Amino acid sequence: MSCAVCAVATATNLCDECAAELDVPLPFVAEQILSTAIHPEQVALVDVWGRIHPIEACTLLGRRPRSRGISMLHPSVSRDHAEIALEDGQWWLRDRASSNGTRRNEDPVTRVALANGDRLAFGTVGFYFVHDDGKRVTLEADQLSSRTLRPDDASRVVRTDPAEQTNAGLPRFKLRMLEAPAGGGYLDAAGAMLQLSVTQYAMLAMLVARMRDEATIASMVRGFVPSGQLIADLPWDAVDPNENQLKQLVRRLRRALDSIRLGTLIESRRGLGYRLRVVPVE
């Protein structure tokens, strides 16, 4: 099995690196994405869990439940958000005047041609657009668990807008950073206490501080810390840290967070850097 986007060997349809590039709201579970295609073409959308959602010649996407198409049950998605259609041999993505917009590879779009591997976002729900070679697997529930964001107590997340509105912004999430006298520290979140190394703690603390400091910044770009700043300011063991070491740190931190079911808490976006997917509150 290989990743549908980068073709590296992986146990599912999407490797961890490519999955980490997708927008994913918190909390969010696989069951909130529903899809049906009666006459699928040889293209599909792949969600963060690696599930394949076949595309028809004209496929509607939105929050509205539908008998055909793709439904994303999240307030950042409009009822009739976008459509993907085949026209003269070319696939096109069109936004249907959605409240929170549609993006391709981070760029807001009204109507744009699609290519294999394009990263799409409808509100804050991300997918990859890929050619379906017919060799993809249907994932079982136990294969999805490591990427499922489901806090034990839903009351820890507070949405500021009513469910009927689509302008939801970033959710608030209860977490605390506790520094240890001997170095490093702990994250108290989702009903669990997670021990972090010195560098892991410093990075997470920097992301928390940036998200809190930029309260007046638009939610689409709020809270990002550039890679260069992280490389320059974090307490590295290496003499000359680089981008590759930063990516390794992020992978290790995500694996640690995954142990308390928050493995996609950190978002990465090309050109902007890294941030939390939530507004931290104590």
Protein backbone atom coordinates (compact mmCIF):
# COMPACT_ATOMS: atom_id res chain seq x y z
CA MET A 1 0.00 0.00 0.00
CA SER A 2 1.22 3.52 -0.78
CA CYS A 3 0.08 7.05 0.01
CA ALA A 4 -2.42 8.33 -2.57
CA VAL A 5 -0.64 11.70 -2.62
CA CYS A 6 3.13 11.17 -2.30
CA ALA A 7 3.30 7.40 -3.07
CA VAL A 8 5.48 6.54 -0.05
CA ALA A 9 4.83 3.17 1.55
CA THR A 10 2.13 3.34 4.22
CA ALA A 11 -0.36 1.04 5.91
CA THR A 12 -3.32 3.14 4.76
CA ASN A 13 -4.27 5.36 1.83
CA LEU A 14 -2.60 8.45 3.30
CA CYS A 15 0.74 8.80 5.09
CA ASP A 16 1.08 10.76 8.32
CA GLU A 17 3.06 13.55 6.65
CA CYS A 18 0.41 14.23 4.01
CA ALA A 19 -2.40 13.89 6.56
CA ALA A 20 -0.73 16.54 8.73
CA GLU A 21 -1.02 19.05 5.86
CA LEU A 22 -4.82 18.90 5.81
CA ASP A 23 -7.11 21.30 7.65
CA VAL A 24 -9.01 19.45 10.38
CA PRO A 25 -11.38 21.16 12.85
CA LEU A 26 -11.42 20.10 16.50
CA PRO A 27 -13.36 18.14 17.59
CA PHE A 28 -14.08 16.16 14.43
CA VAL A 29 -14.68 12.47 13.74
CA ALA A 30 -14.77 10.37 10.60
CA GLU A 31 -18.52 9.88 10.89
CA GLN A 32 -19.05 13.60 10.17
CA ILE A 33 -18.10 13.04 6.52
CA LEU A 34 -20.66 11.13 4.45
CA SER A 35 -20.40 10.36 0.74
CA THR A 36 -22.35 8.51 -1.92
CA ALA A 37 -21.51 8.15 -5.62
CA ILE A 38 -23.75 6.10 -7.91
CA HIS A 39 -21.63 6.53 -11.04
CA PRO A 40 -18.09 7.24 -9.77
CA GLU A 41 -15.37 8.51 -12.09
CA GLN A 42 -11.68 7.66 -11.72
CA VAL A 43 -11.02 10.48 -9.26
CA ALA A 44 -11.79 10.83 -5.57
CA LEU A 45 -11.30 12.95 -2.48
CA VAL A 46 -9.17 11.52 0.35
CA ASP A 47 -9.91 12.74 3.89
CA VAL A 48 -7.48 13.03 6.80
CA TRP A 49 -8.20 9.43 7.85
CA GLY A 50 -7.24 8.14 4.40
CA ARG A 51 -10.79 7.25 3.42
CA ILE A 52 -11.68 7.42 -0.28
CA HIS A 53 -14.74 9.46 -1.31
CA PRO A 54 -15.52 8.78 -5.01
CA ILE A 55 -16.46 11.66 -7.29
CA GLU A 56 -19.14 11.66 -9.99
CA ALA A 57 -19.12 13.82 -13.13
CA CYS A 58 -20.90 16.48 -11.05
CA THR A 59 -20.55 16.19 -7.28
CA LEU A 60 -22.06 18.61 -4.76
CA LEU A 61 -20.35 19.19 -1.41
CA GLY A 62 -21.75 20.86 1.70
CA ARG A 63 -23.23 20.53 5.15
CA ARG A 64 -26.68 19.59 3.84
CA PRO A 65 -27.29 15.80 4.01
CA ARG A 66 -27.82 14.50 0.50
CA SER A 67 -28.49 11.20 -1.25
CA ARG A 68 -25.57 11.76 -3.65
CA GLY A 69 -22.43 13.81 -3.12
CA ILE A 70 -20.30 14.58 -0.07
CA SER A 71 -21.70 15.92 3.21
CA MET A 72 -19.45 17.46 5.87
CA LEU A 73 -21.36 17.88 9.12
CA HIS A 74 -19.46 20.83 10.54
CA PRO A 75 -20.54 24.48 11.13
CA SER A 76 -17.63 25.89 9.09
CA VAL A 77 -19.17 24.26 5.99
CA SER A 78 -22.11 25.90 4.23
CA ARG A 79 -25.22 23.89 3.36
CA ASP A 80 -24.37 24.04 -0.35
CA HIS A 81 -20.67 24.83 -0.20
CA ALA A 82 -19.05 23.81 -3.50
CA GLU A 83 -19.15 21.48 -6.46
CA ILE A 84 -16.63 19.45 -8.45
CA ALA A 85 -17.49 18.84 -12.10
CA LEU A 86 -15.93 17.30 -15.21
CA GLU A 87 -16.02 19.64 -18.23
CA ASP A 88 -14.38 18.76 -21.57
CA GLY A 89 -11.98 16.34 -19.92
CA GLN A 90 -10.91 18.74 -17.16
CA TRP A 91 -12.00 18.64 -13.52
CA TRP A 92 -13.12 21.95 -12.02
CA LEU A 93 -13.82 23.09 -8.46
CA ARG A 94 -16.38 25.86 -7.96
CA ASP A 95 -17.31 27.60 -4.73
CA ARG A 96 -21.07 28.17 -4.35
CA ALA A 97 -20.88 31.49 -2.44
CA SER A 98 -20.02 29.70 0.81
CA SER A 99 -19.64 31.66 4.06
CA ASN A 100 -16.13 30.45 4.91
CA GLY A 101 -14.80 29.91 1.44
CA THR A 102 -13.15 27.14 -0.56
CA ARG A 103 -9.38 26.83 -0.97
CA ARG A 104 -7.06 24.92 -3.25
CA ASN A 105 -3.48 24.60 -1.98
CA GLU A 106 -4.21 27.38 0.54
CA ASP A 107 -5.47 29.83 -2.10
CA PRO A 108 -9.11 31.00 -1.94
CA VAL A 109 -10.94 30.07 -5.13
CA THR A 110 -14.15 30.86 -6.97
CA ARG A 111 -13.58 28.47 -9.87
CA VAL A 112 -10.33 26.64 -10.56
CA ALA A 113 -9.02 23.64 -12.51
CA LEU A 114 -7.92 20.65 -10.41
CA ALA A 115 -4.82 18.49 -10.66
CA ASN A 116 -3.85 15.23 -9.00
CA GLY A 117 -2.67 15.82 -5.43
CA ASP A 118 -4.32 19.23 -4.97
CA ARG A 119 -5.09 19.99 -1.32
CA LEU A 120 -8.64 21.30 -0.90
CA ALA A 121 -10.40 22.90 2.06
CA PHE A 122 -14.13 23.54 2.48
CA GLY A 123 -14.37 25.85 5.47
CA THR A 124 -12.00 24.05 7.85
CA VAL A 125 -12.46 20.52 6.45
CA GLY A 126 -9.63 19.35 4.22
CA PHE A 127 -9.22 16.70 1.50
CA TYR A 128 -6.84 15.71 -1.28
CA PHE A 129 -8.06 15.45 -4.87
CA VAL A 130 -6.50 12.29 -6.38
CA HIS A 131 -6.82 9.97 -9.34
CA ASP A 132 -8.37 6.72 -8.13
CA ASP A 133 -6.40 3.77 -9.49
CA GLY A 134 -8.91 1.29 -8.08
CA LYS A 135 -6.30 -0.18 -5.71
CA ARG A 136 -7.25 1.78 -2.62
CA VAL A 137 -8.43 -0.04 0.50
CA THR A 138 -11.53 0.47 2.61
CA LEU A 139 -10.30 1.36 6.08
CA GLU A 140 -11.67 -0.34 9.17
CA ALA A 141 -12.63 1.53 12.34
CA ASP A 142 -9.46 0.54 14.20
CA GLN A 143 -7.35 2.06 11.44
CA LEU A 144 -9.05 5.43 11.90
CA SER A 145 -8.67 5.77 15.67
CA SER A 146 -5.23 7.37 15.71
CA ARG A 147 -6.52 10.35 13.73
CA THR A 148 -9.87 10.71 15.47
CA LEU A 149 -10.25 13.93 17.47
CA ARG A 150 -12.86 13.16 20.07
CA PRO A 151 -12.33 14.65 23.56
CA ASP A 152 -13.93 12.61 26.35
CA ASP A 153 -15.99 15.59 27.43
CA ALA A 154 -17.48 17.60 24.56
CA SER A 155 -18.13 20.51 26.92
CA ARG A 156 -14.42 21.30 26.84
CA VAL A 157 -14.93 22.78 23.37
CA VAL A 158 -17.04 25.93 23.21
CA ARG A 159 -18.37 27.15 19.86
CA THR A 160 -19.14 30.84 19.89
CA ASP A 161 -21.63 30.69 17.01
CA PRO A 162 -24.92 28.81 16.79
CA ALA A 163 -24.82 25.53 14.90
CA GLU A 164 -26.95 26.96 12.09
CA GLN A 165 -24.31 29.56 11.30
CA THR A 166 -21.29 28.60 9.20
CA ASN A 167 -18.98 31.37 10.38
CA ALA A 168 -17.59 29.30 13.24
CA GLY A 169 -13.92 30.33 13.36
CA LEU A 170 -11.50 28.52 15.67
CA PRO A 171 -12.98 26.49 18.55
CA ARG A 172 -11.90 27.11 22.14
CA PHE A 173 -10.22 24.23 23.93
CA LYS A 174 -9.23 23.84 27.58
CA LEU A 175 -5.54 23.16 28.08
CA ARG A 176 -2.80 24.15 30.51
CA MET A 177 0.97 24.23 30.18
CA LEU A 178 2.84 23.25 33.37
CA GLU A 179 6.58 23.84 33.37
CA ALA A 180 8.74 21.33 35.27
CA PRO A 181 11.59 22.58 37.50
CA ALA A 182 14.06 20.14 35.95
CA GLY A 183 13.18 21.12 32.38
CA GLY A 184 10.38 20.30 29.98
CA GLY A 185 6.90 20.14 31.40
CA TYR A 186 3.37 18.83 31.06
CA LEU A 187 0.30 19.46 28.94
CA ASP A 188 -3.00 19.13 30.78
CA ALA A 189 -5.69 18.58 28.14
CA ALA A 190 -8.56 16.27 27.17
CA GLY A 191 -8.66 14.87 30.70
CA ALA A 192 -5.07 13.65 30.52
CA MET A 193 -1.61 14.81 31.59
CA LEU A 194 1.10 14.49 28.93
CA GLN A 195 4.80 14.78 29.75
CA LEU A 196 6.88 16.70 27.18
CA SER A 197 10.59 17.04 26.57
CA VAL A 198 12.33 20.42 26.85
CA THR A 199 12.06 21.17 23.11
CA GLN A 200 8.53 19.76 22.77
CA TYR A 201 7.34 21.85 25.70
CA ALA A 202 9.02 24.99 24.35
CA MET A 203 7.42 24.58 20.92
CA LEU A 204 3.95 23.93 22.26
CA ALA A 205 4.27 26.86 24.69
CA MET A 206 5.28 29.12 21.78
CA LEU A 207 2.25 28.04 19.73
CA VAL A 208 -0.06 28.59 22.72
CA ALA A 209 1.37 32.07 23.36
CA ARG A 210 1.12 33.10 19.68
CA MET A 211 -2.51 31.98 19.44
CA ARG A 212 -3.42 33.92 22.59
CA ASP A 213 -1.48 37.05 21.56
CA GLU A 214 -3.18 37.32 18.16
CA ALA A 215 -6.75 37.56 19.42
CA THR A 216 -7.55 40.33 16.93
CA ILE A 217 -6.19 38.49 13.88
CA ALA A 218 -8.56 36.75 11.44
CA SER A 219 -9.01 33.08 12.35
CA MET A 220 -7.82 31.83 8.94
CA VAL A 221 -4.29 33.15 9.61
CA ARG A 222 -4.22 33.59 13.38
CA GLY A 223 -1.55 31.97 15.54
CA PHE A 224 1.02 30.80 12.97
CA VAL A 225 4.69 30.74 13.99
CA PRO A 226 7.06 30.69 10.98
CA SER A 227 9.41 27.74 10.67
CA GLY A 228 12.42 30.07 10.69
CA GLN A 229 11.42 31.52 14.05
CA LEU A 230 10.96 28.06 15.55
CA ILE A 231 14.35 26.96 14.27
CA ALA A 232 15.98 30.11 15.66
CA ASP A 233 14.26 30.28 19.06
CA LEU A 234 13.68 26.72 20.29
CA PRO A 235 16.21 25.10 22.68
CA TRP A 236 17.75 22.56 20.31
CA ASP A 237 20.30 19.90 21.18
CA ALA A 238 21.87 20.37 17.75
CA VAL A 239 24.45 23.09 17.09
CA ASP A 240 22.97 24.07 13.72
CA PRO A 241 19.26 23.08 13.61
CA ASN A 242 17.50 22.99 10.26
CA GLU A 243 14.10 22.44 8.64
CA ASN A 244 14.47 18.67 8.68
CA GLN A 245 15.05 18.64 12.44
CA LEU A 246 12.00 20.85 12.93
CA LYS A 247 9.87 18.36 10.96
CA GLN A 248 11.20 15.51 13.08
CA LEU A 249 10.32 17.45 16.24
CA VAL A 250 6.79 18.05 14.96
CA ARG A 251 6.38 14.35 14.13
CA ARG A 252 7.50 13.34 17.62
CA LEU A 253 5.26 15.92 19.24
CA ARG A 254 2.26 14.79 17.19
CA ARG A 255 2.90 11.17 18.19
CA ALA A 256 3.02 12.23 21.84
CA LEU A 257 -0.23 14.17 21.46
CA ASP A 258 -1.78 11.18 19.72
CA SER A 259 -1.45 9.23 22.97
CA ILE A 260 -4.19 11.49 24.38
CA ARG A 261 -6.13 11.52 21.06
CA LEU A 262 -4.96 15.00 20.01
CA GLY A 263 -2.54 13.92 17.30
CA THR A 264 -3.67 16.59 14.81
CA LEU A 265 -3.73 19.46 17.31
CA ILE A 266 -0.82 21.10 15.46
CA GLU A 267 -1.56 22.45 11.99
CA SER A 268 1.11 23.14 9.37
CA ARG A 269 0.55 25.39 6.40
CA ARG A 270 3.01 26.16 3.64
CA GLY A 271 4.23 29.74 3.74
CA LEU A 272 2.85 30.39 7.23
CA GLY A 273 4.43 27.81 9.53
CA TYR A 274 2.79 25.98 12.43
CA ARG A 275 -0.06 26.74 14.82
CA LEU A 276 -2.66 25.17 17.10
CA ARG A 277 -6.00 24.29 15.54
CA VAL A 278 -7.75 25.72 18.60
CA VAL A 279 -7.81 28.80 20.80
CA PRO A 280 -6.35 27.63 24.15
CA VAL A 281 -8.21 28.55 27.32
CA GLU A 282 -7.57 27.50 30.89
